[in-house]
Amino acid sequence: MKPAPFDYVRPGSLAEASALLLEGDGNAKLVAGGQSLGPMLNLRLVQPSLLIDIAGLPELSEVSEDDAGLRIGACVTAANIEDGKLPLAAAPMLQKIAGGIAYRAVRNRGTIGGSVCHADPAADWVSTLAALSAICEIRDAQGKLRRVPVQKFFTAAFENELAPGEILRAMLIPRVPVGTRFSHHKVSRKFGKFAIASGTVLYNPEQQVLKAVIGATHGRPIVIDNATELFGGKPGAGPLRFDAQRALSLLQENGVEGGAACQTHIAALQRAAAEVFDS
């Protein structure tokens, strides 16, 4: 298949890109790495009249770290994170997550912001950033900024919070406290392919923080901010044990159907929990 005809432009600023999006009135698309949009264009699942290439905009590739945490520009690639080219002390698990995404060719081009905006439930960044309580920094056509928690940014599978003319500028990731344990485990039919289930667990024994995310469902990630019930106890009060029955109930409450699908999700989350609690 070949894409339908479209015009192509490389704006000189984020303001120009926003203006072009508004002028496109729903018929314009942003492109950076193109790892998701490219196949969709070829299959004619989307047929925009204009592609706006934002990969070269410097402010979308900026990275900074301070006491609060890490700020990663939306056009930073997974490969740059994997290769440790960023200051990652605030969230060191990002390097391992980036290295587990698809294949190196995809990581060379695919951007963290593109993955978040695509909102594929199976994407590693979707579950990981939700577990890390990341914040989306969004710029509108007038230059105003707003911030949205990443788990609220995902409104449904492949749908996000962006209004017309808005662009995701950066991801803000709070500093992960020393002593925090983190695991992201996914189940795929073949290495490098999309996950059919994933589980992510963040556990800080000292601060008694226990959070879990069930990903690769058919909708938004299932985020359990206080996962003590899921793991049968209060952090620091004794051994934590995974409660498979409670996990099954959560999946069913969130519309995950089918015994095999539920069991695969439970297995992924159980594996992530084991890596966290046994470390």
C-alpha atoms as a PDB file:
ATOM      1  CA  MET A   1       0.000   0.000   0.000  1.00  0.00           C
ATOM      2  CA  LYS A   2       1.011   3.615  -0.520  1.00  0.00           C
ATOM      3  CA  PRO A   3      -0.226   6.601   1.474  1.00  0.00           C
ATOM      4  CA  ALA A   4      -2.781   8.991   0.074  1.00  0.00           C
ATOM      5  CA  PRO A   5      -1.273  12.252  -1.275  1.00  0.00           C
ATOM      6  CA  PHE A   6      -0.294  14.841   1.342  1.00  0.00           C
ATOM      7  CA  ASP A   7       1.725  18.045   1.666  1.00  0.00           C
ATOM      8  CA  TYR A   8       4.794  18.170   3.899  1.00  0.00           C
ATOM      9  CA  VAL A   9       6.238  21.055   5.884  1.00  0.00           C
ATOM     10  CA  ARG A  10       9.017  21.542   8.440  1.00  0.00           C
ATOM     11  CA  PRO A  11       8.069  24.474  10.698  1.00  0.00           C
ATOM     12  CA  GLY A  12      10.744  26.691  12.186  1.00  0.00           C
ATOM     13  CA  SER A  13       9.169  26.904  15.629  1.00  0.00           C
ATOM     14  CA  LEU A  14       6.676  25.256  17.926  1.00  0.00           C
ATOM     15  CA  ALA A  15       4.375  28.260  17.485  1.00  0.00           C
ATOM     16  CA  GLU A  16       4.363  27.753  13.723  1.00  0.00           C
ATOM     17  CA  ALA A  17       3.664  24.049  14.152  1.00  0.00           C
ATOM     18  CA  SER A  18       0.676  24.813  16.410  1.00  0.00           C
ATOM     19  CA  ALA A  19      -0.670  27.352  13.925  1.00  0.00           C
ATOM     20  CA  LEU A  20      -0.404  24.840  11.083  1.00  0.00           C
ATOM     21  CA  LEU A  21      -2.247  22.250  13.167  1.00  0.00           C
ATOM     22  CA  LEU A  22      -5.105  24.698  13.762  1.00  0.00           C
ATOM     23  CA  GLU A  23      -5.244  25.688  10.108  1.00  0.00           C
ATOM     24  CA  GLY A  24      -5.389  22.016   9.169  1.00  0.00           C
ATOM     25  CA  ASP A  25      -8.710  21.725  11.019  1.00  0.00           C
ATOM     26  CA  GLY A  26      -8.233  18.033  11.782  1.00  0.00           C
ATOM     27  CA  ASN A  27      -6.595  17.216   8.462  1.00  0.00           C
ATOM     28  CA  ALA A  28      -3.014  17.839   9.611  1.00  0.00           C
ATOM     29  CA  LYS A  29      -0.773  15.434  11.544  1.00  0.00           C
ATOM     30  CA  LEU A  30       2.459  15.921  13.451  1.00  0.00           C
ATOM     31  CA  VAL A  31       5.322  13.566  12.648  1.00  0.00           C
ATOM     32  CA  ALA A  32       8.635  13.083  14.459  1.00  0.00           C
ATOM     33  CA  GLY A  33       9.991   9.518  14.391  1.00  0.00           C
ATOM     34  CA  GLY A  34       7.054   8.222  12.353  1.00  0.00           C
ATOM     35  CA  GLN A  35       7.314   4.683  13.729  1.00  0.00           C
ATOM     36  CA  SER A  36       3.561   4.509  14.333  1.00  0.00           C
ATOM     37  CA  LEU A  37       2.296   7.077  11.865  1.00  0.00           C
ATOM     38  CA  GLY A  38       4.286   5.684   8.923  1.00  0.00           C
ATOM     39  CA  PRO A  39       2.552   2.281   8.827  1.00  0.00           C
ATOM     40  CA  MET A  40      -0.826   3.936   9.419  1.00  0.00           C
ATOM     41  CA  LEU A  41      -0.232   6.178   6.413  1.00  0.00           C
ATOM     42  CA  ASN A  42       0.786   3.230   4.234  1.00  0.00           C
ATOM     43  CA  LEU A  43      -2.338   1.306   5.200  1.00  0.00           C
ATOM     44  CA  ARG A  44      -4.437   4.460   4.747  1.00  0.00           C
ATOM     45  CA  LEU A  45      -5.778   4.165   8.269  1.00  0.00           C
ATOM     46  CA  VAL A  46      -5.143   7.914   8.407  1.00  0.00           C
ATOM     47  CA  GLN A  47      -5.179  10.222   5.387  1.00  0.00           C
ATOM     48  CA  PRO A  48      -4.024  13.697   6.441  1.00  0.00           C
ATOM     49  CA  SER A  49      -3.697  16.432   3.854  1.00  0.00           C
ATOM     50  CA  LEU A  50      -0.615  17.838   5.637  1.00  0.00           C
ATOM     51  CA  LEU A  51       2.292  16.339   7.584  1.00  0.00           C
ATOM     52  CA  ILE A  52       4.075  18.706   9.972  1.00  0.00           C
ATOM     53  CA  ASP A  53       7.600  17.475  10.745  1.00  0.00           C
ATOM     54  CA  ILE A  54       8.599  18.624  14.257  1.00  0.00           C
ATOM     55  CA  ALA A  55      11.627  16.344  14.740  1.00  0.00           C
ATOM     56  CA  GLY A  56      14.084  19.183  14.159  1.00  0.00           C
ATOM     57  CA  LEU A  57      12.655  21.662  16.660  1.00  0.00           C
ATOM     58  CA  PRO A  58      15.385  22.169  19.317  1.00  0.00           C
ATOM     59  CA  GLU A  59      13.033  22.779  22.262  1.00  0.00           C
ATOM     60  CA  LEU A  60      11.462  19.353  21.746  1.00  0.00           C
ATOM     61  CA  SER A  61      14.820  17.621  22.211  1.00  0.00           C
ATOM     62  CA  GLU A  62      15.905  19.431  25.372  1.00  0.00           C
ATOM     63  CA  VAL A  63      16.612  17.402  28.514  1.00  0.00           C
ATOM     64  CA  SER A  64      17.240  18.753  32.006  1.00  0.00           C
ATOM     65  CA  GLU A  65      17.450  17.427  35.548  1.00  0.00           C
ATOM     66  CA  ASP A  66      17.000  19.185  38.876  1.00  0.00           C
ATOM     67  CA  ASP A  67      16.012  18.356  42.437  1.00  0.00           C
ATOM     68  CA  ALA A  68      12.386  17.849  41.387  1.00  0.00           C
ATOM     69  CA  GLY A  69      13.177  15.316  38.696  1.00  0.00           C
ATOM     70  CA  LEU A  70      13.719  14.940  34.987  1.00  0.00           C
ATOM     71  CA  ARG A  71      12.336  16.852  32.025  1.00  0.00           C
ATOM     72  CA  ILE A  72      12.541  15.043  28.681  1.00  0.00           C
ATOM     73  CA  GLY A  73      11.599  16.791  25.443  1.00  0.00           C
ATOM     74  CA  ALA A  74       8.903  15.033  23.437  1.00  0.00           C
ATOM     75  CA  CYS A  75      11.208  14.344  20.474  1.00  0.00           C
ATOM     76  CA  VAL A  76      13.937  12.594  22.457  1.00  0.00           C
ATOM     77  CA  THR A  77      14.369   9.107  20.998  1.00  0.00           C
ATOM     78  CA  ALA A  78      14.326   5.808  22.841  1.00  0.00           C
ATOM     79  CA  ALA A  79      17.848   5.150  21.531  1.00  0.00           C
ATOM     80  CA  ASN A  80      19.205   8.285  23.218  1.00  0.00           C
ATOM     81  CA  ILE A  81      17.668   7.164  26.504  1.00  0.00           C
ATOM     82  CA  GLU A  82      18.926   3.598  26.029  1.00  0.00           C
ATOM     83  CA  ASP A  83      22.462   4.813  25.322  1.00  0.00           C
ATOM     84  CA  GLY A  84      22.565   6.911  28.495  1.00  0.00           C
ATOM     85  CA  LYS A  85      23.066  10.166  26.621  1.00  0.00           C
ATOM     86  CA  LEU A  86      20.750  11.927  29.086  1.00  0.00           C
ATOM     87  CA  PRO A  87      21.105  12.699  32.798  1.00  0.00           C
ATOM     88  CA  LEU A  88      19.047   9.812  34.151  1.00  0.00           C
ATOM     89  CA  ALA A  89      19.964   9.778  37.837  1.00  0.00           C
ATOM     90  CA  ALA A  90      16.458  10.983  38.760  1.00  0.00           C
ATOM     91  CA  ALA A  91      14.837   7.959  37.070  1.00  0.00           C
ATOM     92  CA  PRO A  92      17.516   5.364  36.227  1.00  0.00           C
ATOM     93  CA  MET A  93      15.003   2.666  35.214  1.00  0.00           C
ATOM     94  CA  LEU A  94      14.231   4.584  32.010  1.00  0.00           C
ATOM     95  CA  GLN A  95      17.402   3.295  30.360  1.00  0.00           C
ATOM     96  CA  LYS A  96      16.368  -0.348  30.734  1.00  0.00           C
ATOM     97  CA  ILE A  97      12.807   0.382  29.603  1.00  0.00           C
ATOM     98  CA  ALA A  98      14.064   2.154  26.477  1.00  0.00           C
ATOM     99  CA  GLY A  99      16.357  -0.754  25.636  1.00  0.00           C
ATOM    100  CA  GLY A 100      13.432  -3.183  25.689  1.00  0.00           C
ATOM    101  CA  ILE A 101      11.303  -1.333  23.155  1.00  0.00           C
ATOM    102  CA  ALA A 102      10.824  -3.175  19.835  1.00  0.00           C
ATOM    103  CA  TYR A 103      14.063  -3.256  17.802  1.00  0.00           C
ATOM    104  CA  ARG A 104      17.059  -0.910  17.597  1.00  0.00           C
ATOM    105  CA  ALA A 105      15.904   0.477  14.242  1.00  0.00           C
ATOM    106  CA  VAL A 106      12.623   1.516  15.861  1.00  0.00           C
ATOM    107  CA  ARG A 107      14.392   2.935  18.922  1.00  0.00           C
ATOM    108  CA  ASN A 108      16.659   5.033  16.687  1.00  0.00           C
ATOM    109  CA  ARG A 109      13.670   6.956  15.364  1.00  0.00           C
ATOM    110  CA  GLY A 110      10.812   6.466  17.807  1.00  0.00           C
ATOM    111  CA  THR A 111      10.318   9.305  20.302  1.00  0.00           C
ATOM    112  CA  ILE A 112       9.014   9.254  23.843  1.00  0.00           C
ATOM    113  CA  GLY A 113       6.456  11.967  23.053  1.00  0.00           C
ATOM    114  CA  GLY A 114       5.265  10.201  19.925  1.00  0.00           C
ATOM    115  CA  SER A 115       4.632   7.037  21.906  1.00  0.00           C
ATOM    116  CA  VAL A 116       2.716   8.911  24.597  1.00  0.00           C
ATOM    117  CA  CYS A 117       0.566  10.786  22.064  1.00  0.00           C
ATOM    118  CA  HIS A 118      -0.150   7.615  20.076  1.00  0.00           C
ATOM    119  CA  ALA A 119      -1.478   6.155  23.353  1.00  0.00           C
ATOM    120  CA  ASP A 120      -1.112   2.542  22.293  1.00  0.00           C
ATOM    121  CA  PRO A 121      -2.100   0.482  25.364  1.00  0.00           C
ATOM    122  CA  ALA A 122       0.708  -1.986  24.557  1.00  0.00           C
ATOM    123  CA  ALA A 123       3.476   0.658  24.555  1.00  0.00           C
ATOM    124  CA  ASP A 124       6.173   0.373  27.217  1.00  0.00           C
ATOM    125  CA  TRP A 125       6.247   4.136  27.831  1.00  0.00           C
ATOM    126  CA  VAL A 126       2.507   4.241  28.509  1.00  0.00           C
ATOM    127  CA  SER A 127       2.688   1.897  31.514  1.00  0.00           C
ATOM    128  CA  THR A 128       6.119   2.992  32.722  1.00  0.00           C
ATOM    129  CA  LEU A 129       5.342   6.712  32.808  1.00  0.00           C
ATOM    130  CA  ALA A 130       2.013   6.058  34.517  1.00  0.00           C
ATOM    131  CA  ALA A 131       3.810   4.090  37.230  1.00  0.00           C
ATOM    132  CA  LEU A 132       6.314   6.932  37.646  1.00  0.00           C
ATOM    133  CA  SER A 133       3.519   9.552  37.995  1.00  0.00           C
ATOM    134  CA  ALA A 134       4.875  11.500  35.028  1.00  0.00           C
ATOM    135  CA  ILE A 135       3.338  14.783  33.904  1.00  0.00           C
ATOM    136  CA  CYS A 136       2.655  15.866  30.320  1.00  0.00           C
ATOM    137  CA  GLU A 137       3.701  19.449  29.537  1.00  0.00           C
ATOM    138  CA  ILE A 138       1.414  20.728  26.781  1.00  0.00           C
ATOM    139  CA  ARG A 139       1.684  23.922  24.728  1.00  0.00           C
ATOM    140  CA  ASP A 140      -1.307  25.469  22.960  1.00  0.00           C
ATOM    141  CA  ALA A 141      -1.438  27.670  19.864  1.00  0.00           C
ATOM    142  CA  GLN A 142      -1.220  30.850  22.000  1.00  0.00           C
ATOM    143  CA  GLY A 143       1.942  29.656  23.744  1.00  0.00           C
ATOM    144  CA  LYS A 144       0.267  28.848  27.052  1.00  0.00           C
ATOM    145  CA  LEU A 145       1.410  25.769  28.937  1.00  0.00           C
ATOM    146  CA  ARG A 146      -0.643  23.327  30.926  1.00  0.00           C
ATOM    147  CA  ARG A 147       0.285  20.162  32.750  1.00  0.00           C
ATOM    148  CA  VAL A 148      -1.694  16.937  32.814  1.00  0.00           C
ATOM    149  CA  PRO A 149      -0.859  13.739  34.747  1.00  0.00           C
ATOM    150  CA  VAL A 150       0.031  11.126  32.169  1.00  0.00           C
ATOM    151  CA  GLN A 151      -2.635   8.665  33.314  1.00  0.00           C
ATOM    152  CA  LYS A 152      -5.283  11.341  32.655  1.00  0.00           C
ATOM    153  CA  PHE A 153      -3.649  12.234  29.326  1.00  0.00           C
ATOM    154  CA  PHE A 154      -4.704   8.822  27.992  1.00  0.00           C
ATOM    155  CA  THR A 155      -8.454   9.097  27.469  1.00  0.00           C
ATOM    156  CA  ALA A 156      -8.905   5.739  25.683  1.00  0.00           C
ATOM    157  CA  ALA A 157      -6.940   3.366  23.505  1.00  0.00           C
ATOM    158  CA  PHE A 158      -5.175   5.482  20.850  1.00  0.00           C
ATOM    159  CA  GLU A 159      -6.812   8.660  22.140  1.00  0.00           C
ATOM    160  CA  ASN A 160      -5.354  11.480  24.190  1.00  0.00           C
ATOM    161  CA  GLU A 161      -6.159  14.737  25.947  1.00  0.00           C
ATOM    162  CA  LEU A 162      -4.726  17.122  23.311  1.00  0.00           C
ATOM    163  CA  ALA A 163      -7.057  19.857  22.071  1.00  0.00           C
ATOM    164  CA  PRO A 164      -6.817  21.335  18.528  1.00  0.00           C
ATOM    165  CA  GLY A 165      -3.515  23.171  18.090  1.00  0.00           C
ATOM    166  CA  GLU A 166      -1.951  21.692  21.219  1.00  0.00           C
ATOM    167  CA  ILE A 167       1.413  19.922  21.148  1.00  0.00           C
ATOM    168  CA  LEU A 168       3.048  17.738  23.782  1.00  0.00           C
ATOM    169  CA  ARG A 169       6.254  19.601  24.595  1.00  0.00           C
ATOM    170  CA  ALA A 170       7.894  17.457  27.269  1.00  0.00           C
ATOM    171  CA  MET A 171       7.485  14.735  29.874  1.00  0.00           C
ATOM    172  CA  LEU A 172       8.153  15.694  33.489  1.00  0.00           C
ATOM    173  CA  ILE A 173       9.201  12.741  35.630  1.00  0.00           C
ATOM    174  CA  PRO A 174       9.389  13.222  39.416  1.00  0.00           C
ATOM    175  CA  ARG A 175      12.663  12.167  41.025  1.00  0.00           C
ATOM    176  CA  VAL A 176      12.465   8.546  42.109  1.00  0.00           C
ATOM    177  CA  PRO A 177      13.512   8.249  45.783  1.00  0.00           C
ATOM    178  CA  VAL A 178      16.619   6.249  46.615  1.00  0.00           C
ATOM    179  CA  GLY A 179      15.694   2.709  47.607  1.00  0.00           C
ATOM    180  CA  THR A 180      12.741   2.474  45.223  1.00  0.00           C
ATOM    181  CA  ARG A 181      12.338  -0.864  43.474  1.00  0.00           C
ATOM    182  CA  PHE A 182      10.841  -0.942  40.004  1.00  0.00           C
ATOM    183  CA  SER A 183       9.959  -3.635  37.502  1.00  0.00           C
ATOM    184  CA  HIS A 184       8.195  -3.662  34.149  1.00  0.00           C
ATOM    185  CA  HIS A 185       7.431  -7.060  32.674  1.00  0.00           C
ATOM    186  CA  LYS A 186       5.684  -7.690  29.371  1.00  0.00           C
ATOM    187  CA  VAL A 187       4.464 -10.753  27.534  1.00  0.00           C
ATOM    188  CA  SER A 188       4.868 -10.827  23.747  1.00  0.00           C
ATOM    189  CA  ARG A 189       4.330 -13.582  21.217  1.00  0.00           C
ATOM    190  CA  LYS A 190       7.789 -12.866  19.818  1.00  0.00           C
ATOM    191  CA  PHE A 191      10.755 -10.790  20.974  1.00  0.00           C
ATOM    192  CA  GLY A 192      10.428  -7.195  19.838  1.00  0.00           C
ATOM    193  CA  LYS A 193       6.740  -7.456  19.033  1.00  0.00           C
ATOM    194  CA  PHE A 194       3.854  -5.659  20.721  1.00  0.00           C
ATOM    195  CA  ALA A 195       3.008  -6.763  24.240  1.00  0.00           C
ATOM    196  CA  ILE A 196      -0.193  -8.712  24.741  1.00  0.00           C
ATOM    197  CA  ALA A 197       0.044  -8.099  28.495  1.00  0.00           C
ATOM    198  CA  SER A 198       2.252  -6.112  30.826  1.00  0.00           C
ATOM    199  CA  GLY A 199       2.659  -5.457  34.519  1.00  0.00           C
ATOM    200  CA  THR A 200       4.568  -2.658  36.212  1.00  0.00           C
ATOM    201  CA  VAL A 201       5.271  -2.350  39.931  1.00  0.00           C
ATOM    202  CA  LEU A 202       6.903   0.484  41.876  1.00  0.00           C
ATOM    203  CA  TYR A 203       7.716  -0.160  45.536  1.00  0.00           C
ATOM    204  CA  ASN A 204       9.442   2.080  48.062  1.00  0.00           C
ATOM    205  CA  PRO A 205       9.611   0.259  51.424  1.00  0.00           C
ATOM    206  CA  GLU A 206      10.931   3.268  53.335  1.00  0.00           C
ATOM    207  CA  GLN A 207       8.179   5.656  52.221  1.00  0.00           C
ATOM    208  CA  GLN A 208       5.561   2.886  52.150  1.00  0.00           C
ATOM    209  CA  VAL A 209       4.666   3.572  48.520  1.00  0.00           C
ATOM    210  CA  LEU A 210       3.327   0.688  46.467  1.00  0.00           C
ATOM    211  CA  LYS A 211       1.953   1.295  42.984  1.00  0.00           C
ATOM    212  CA  ALA A 212       1.008  -1.036  40.138  1.00  0.00           C
ATOM    213  CA  VAL A 213      -0.018  -0.643  36.507  1.00  0.00           C
ATOM    214  CA  ILE A 214      -1.663  -3.237  34.279  1.00  0.00           C
ATOM    215  CA  GLY A 215      -0.955  -2.396  30.650  1.00  0.00           C
ATOM    216  CA  ALA A 216      -1.584  -3.720  27.150  1.00  0.00           C
ATOM    217  CA  THR A 217      -5.323  -3.912  27.768  1.00  0.00           C
ATOM    218  CA  HIS A 218      -7.857  -2.693  25.185  1.00  0.00           C
ATOM    219  CA  GLY A 219      -8.153   0.684  26.884  1.00  0.00           C
ATOM    220  CA  ARG A 220      -6.328   3.008  29.230  1.00  0.00           C
ATOM    221  CA  PRO A 221      -3.707   1.476  31.522  1.00  0.00           C
ATOM    222  CA  ILE A 222      -5.167   0.255  34.803  1.00  0.00           C
ATOM    223  CA  VAL A 223      -3.330   2.318  37.418  1.00  0.00           C
ATOM    224  CA  ILE A 224      -3.518   1.221  41.051  1.00  0.00           C
ATOM    225  CA  ASP A 225      -2.055   4.138  43.031  1.00  0.00           C
ATOM    226  CA  ASN A 226      -2.394   2.312  46.354  1.00  0.00           C
ATOM    227  CA  ALA A 227      -1.744  -1.331  45.601  1.00  0.00           C
ATOM    228  CA  THR A 228      -1.600  -2.604  49.176  1.00  0.00           C
ATOM    229  CA  GLU A 229      -4.826  -4.570  48.732  1.00  0.00           C
ATOM    230  CA  LEU A 230      -3.480  -6.139  45.554  1.00  0.00           C
ATOM    231  CA  PHE A 231      -0.416  -7.352  47.450  1.00  0.00           C
ATOM    232  CA  GLY A 232      -2.101  -8.334  50.669  1.00  0.00           C
ATOM    233  CA  GLY A 233      -0.714  -5.921  53.206  1.00  0.00           C
ATOM    234  CA  LYS A 234       0.898  -2.664  54.206  1.00  0.00           C
ATOM    235  CA  PRO A 235       4.463  -1.947  53.011  1.00  0.00           C
ATOM    236  CA  GLY A 236       6.871  -2.520  55.858  1.00  0.00           C
ATOM    237  CA  ALA A 237       4.367  -4.533  57.907  1.00  0.00           C
ATOM    238  CA  GLY A 238       5.598  -7.930  56.738  1.00  0.00           C
ATOM    239  CA  PRO A 239       6.070  -9.982  53.580  1.00  0.00           C
ATOM    240  CA  LEU A 240       3.976  -8.829  50.627  1.00  0.00           C
ATOM    241  CA  ARG A 241       2.292 -11.509  48.565  1.00  0.00           C
ATOM    242  CA  PHE A 242       0.600 -11.104  45.241  1.00  0.00           C
ATOM    243  CA  ASP A 243      -3.182 -11.618  45.350  1.00  0.00           C
ATOM    244  CA  ALA A 244      -4.107 -13.140  41.990  1.00  0.00           C
ATOM    245  CA  GLN A 245      -7.826 -13.160  42.806  1.00  0.00           C
ATOM    246  CA  ARG A 246      -7.846  -9.427  43.492  1.00  0.00           C
ATOM    247  CA  ALA A 247      -5.920  -8.842  40.253  1.00  0.00           C
ATOM    248  CA  LEU A 248      -8.558 -10.854  38.367  1.00  0.00           C
ATOM    249  CA  SER A 249     -11.316  -8.736  39.899  1.00  0.00           C
ATOM    250  CA  LEU A 250      -9.525  -5.527  38.863  1.00  0.00           C
ATOM    251  CA  LEU A 251      -9.173  -6.768  35.308  1.00  0.00           C
ATOM    252  CA  GLN A 252     -12.826  -7.737  35.089  1.00  0.00           C
ATOM    253  CA  GLU A 253     -13.931  -4.426  36.626  1.00  0.00           C
ATOM    254  CA  ASN A 254     -11.974  -2.659  33.866  1.00  0.00           C
ATOM    255  CA  GLY A 255     -13.521  -4.639  31.026  1.00  0.00           C
ATOM    256  CA  VAL A 256     -10.804  -7.225  30.364  1.00  0.00           C
ATOM    257  CA  GLU A 257     -12.671 -10.305  29.176  1.00  0.00           C
ATOM    258  CA  GLY A 258     -11.624 -13.863  28.551  1.00  0.00           C
ATOM    259  CA  GLY A 259      -9.977 -16.290  30.920  1.00  0.00           C
ATOM    260  CA  ALA A 260      -6.773 -16.618  28.901  1.00  0.00           C
ATOM    261  CA  ALA A 261      -6.356 -12.843  28.528  1.00  0.00           C
ATOM    262  CA  CYS A 262      -6.869 -12.283  32.252  1.00  0.00           C
ATOM    263  CA  GLN A 263      -4.429 -15.025  33.195  1.00  0.00           C
ATOM    264  CA  THR A 264      -1.765 -13.585  30.880  1.00  0.00           C
ATOM    265  CA  HIS A 265      -2.134 -10.144  32.459  1.00  0.00           C
ATOM    266  CA  ILE A 266      -2.019 -11.672  35.931  1.00  0.00           C
ATOM    267  CA  ALA A 267       1.152 -13.582  35.044  1.00  0.00           C
ATOM    268  CA  ALA A 268       2.844 -10.404  33.779  1.00  0.00           C
ATOM    269  CA  LEU A 269       1.960  -8.455  36.908  1.00  0.00           C
ATOM    270  CA  GLN A 270       2.954 -11.365  39.157  1.00  0.00           C
ATOM    271  CA  ARG A 271       6.363 -11.562  37.452  1.00  0.00           C
ATOM    272  CA  ALA A 272       6.924  -7.818  37.935  1.00  0.00           C
ATOM    273  CA  ALA A 273       5.898  -8.106  41.586  1.00  0.00           C
ATOM    274  CA  ALA A 274       8.272 -11.022  42.175  1.00  0.00           C
ATOM    275  CA  GLU A 275      11.190  -9.045  40.735  1.00  0.00           C
ATOM    276  CA  VAL A 276      10.381  -6.125  43.033  1.00  0.00           C
ATOM    277  CA  PHE A 277       9.721  -7.963  46.277  1.00  0.00           C
ATOM    278  CA  ASP A 278      12.559 -10.466  45.891  1.00  0.00           C
ATOM    279  CA  SER A 279      15.195  -7.865  44.992  1.00  0.00           C
END
